[in-house]
């Protein structure tokens, strides 16, 4: 069977997306979950550099690509993501949902 038949198309909630982003950031930046809020700024609050953001995007594409066929982040959009909330809202918009 093609992989697409095993992929769910159920909507992913903003809370689920935040949990995915948070888990990936904890691993990439080696910080505790308590350090990551929706309002957290990548550079100023989390000391994330551009490589960390690229790693985050790759992790999101891998994690969400398993749940939704063809999920990707446009390279030019990465620079617009200043906060964790920006990343969550971007993902929700790309998945066709609405942010909280």
Protein backbone atom coordinates (compact mmCIF):
# COMPACT_ATOMS: atom_id res chain seq x y z
CA UNK A 1 0.00 0.00 0.00
CA UNK A 2 1.27 3.52 -0.67
CA UNK A 3 2.43 5.41 2.41
CA UNK A 4 -0.24 8.07 1.84
CA UNK A 5 -2.99 5.59 2.75
CA UNK A 6 -1.51 5.33 6.25
CA UNK A 7 -1.30 9.08 6.75
CA UNK A 8 -4.06 10.73 8.73
CA UNK A 9 -5.54 13.97 7.50
CA UNK A 10 -7.17 14.83 10.81
CA UNK A 11 -6.56 18.41 11.88
CA UNK A 12 -3.69 18.97 14.26
CA UNK A 13 -4.53 21.38 17.06
CA UNK A 14 -2.35 24.38 17.91
CA UNK A 15 -1.58 22.70 21.25
CA UNK A 16 -0.34 19.58 19.45
CA UNK A 17 1.82 21.68 17.12
CA UNK A 18 3.21 23.62 20.10
CA UNK A 19 4.07 20.32 21.83
CA UNK A 20 5.88 19.10 18.70
CA UNK A 21 7.80 22.37 18.31
CA UNK A 22 8.64 22.44 22.01
CA UNK A 23 9.88 18.83 22.07
CA UNK A 24 12.11 19.45 19.06
CA UNK A 25 13.49 22.69 20.48
CA UNK A 26 14.28 20.98 23.80
CA UNK A 27 16.32 18.40 21.95
CA UNK A 28 18.02 20.80 19.53
CA UNK A 29 18.83 23.54 22.05
CA UNK A 30 19.29 21.22 25.04
CA UNK A 31 16.96 23.28 27.24
CA UNK A 32 14.15 22.28 29.56
CA UNK A 33 10.53 22.40 28.45
CA UNK A 34 9.91 25.11 31.06
CA UNK A 35 12.22 27.44 29.12
CA UNK A 36 10.03 27.33 26.01
CA UNK A 37 6.85 29.37 25.83
CA UNK A 38 4.82 30.49 22.82
CA UNK A 39 6.17 34.00 23.48
CA UNK A 40 9.81 32.84 23.61
CA UNK A 41 11.95 34.56 21.00
CA UNK A 42 14.32 32.20 19.24
CA UNK A 43 17.41 34.41 19.30
CA UNK A 44 16.93 36.65 22.34
CA UNK A 45 15.34 34.16 24.77
CA UNK A 46 16.49 30.75 23.57
CA UNK A 47 19.90 31.62 22.05
CA UNK A 48 18.94 29.77 18.87
CA UNK A 49 21.13 30.46 15.87
CA UNK A 50 20.20 29.98 12.23
CA UNK A 51 21.49 26.41 12.24
CA UNK A 52 19.18 25.57 15.17
CA UNK A 53 16.22 27.00 13.24
CA UNK A 54 17.12 24.93 10.19
CA UNK A 55 17.32 21.85 12.42
CA UNK A 56 13.89 22.74 13.83
CA UNK A 57 12.41 23.06 10.34
CA UNK A 58 13.90 19.72 9.29
CA UNK A 59 12.51 18.06 12.43
CA UNK A 60 9.07 19.57 11.85
CA UNK A 61 9.06 18.46 8.22
CA UNK A 62 9.98 14.94 9.32
CA UNK A 63 7.50 14.77 12.22
CA UNK A 64 4.60 16.39 10.41
CA UNK A 65 5.44 14.75 7.09
CA UNK A 66 4.55 11.44 8.75
CA UNK A 67 1.09 12.79 9.63
CA UNK A 68 0.33 14.99 6.63
CA UNK A 69 1.55 14.22 3.14
CA UNK A 70 3.85 16.82 1.69
CA UNK A 71 4.27 19.16 4.67
CA UNK A 72 7.20 21.51 4.13
CA UNK A 73 8.49 24.88 5.24
CA UNK A 74 9.58 27.37 2.58
CA UNK A 75 13.19 28.45 3.16
CA UNK A 76 12.34 32.12 2.74
CA UNK A 77 9.74 31.88 5.51
CA UNK A 78 12.23 30.78 8.17
CA UNK A 79 13.53 34.33 8.66
CA UNK A 80 9.99 35.52 9.45
CA UNK A 81 9.76 33.17 12.44
CA UNK A 82 10.93 35.21 15.42
CA UNK A 83 9.07 33.42 18.22
CA UNK A 84 7.93 29.91 19.04
CA UNK A 85 4.38 31.14 18.50
CA UNK A 86 5.31 32.33 15.00
CA UNK A 87 6.49 28.81 14.18
CA UNK A 88 3.32 27.26 15.61
CA UNK A 89 1.08 29.69 13.71
CA UNK A 90 3.04 29.07 10.50
CA UNK A 91 2.62 25.31 10.81
CA UNK A 92 -1.11 25.63 11.53
CA UNK A 93 -1.54 27.93 8.51
CA UNK A 94 0.39 25.51 6.26
CA UNK A 95 -1.78 22.65 7.45
CA UNK A 96 -4.89 24.64 6.63
CA UNK A 97 -6.03 25.17 10.20
CA UNK A 98 -6.55 28.21 12.34
CA UNK A 99 -4.24 29.30 15.13
CA UNK A 100 -5.35 29.77 18.69
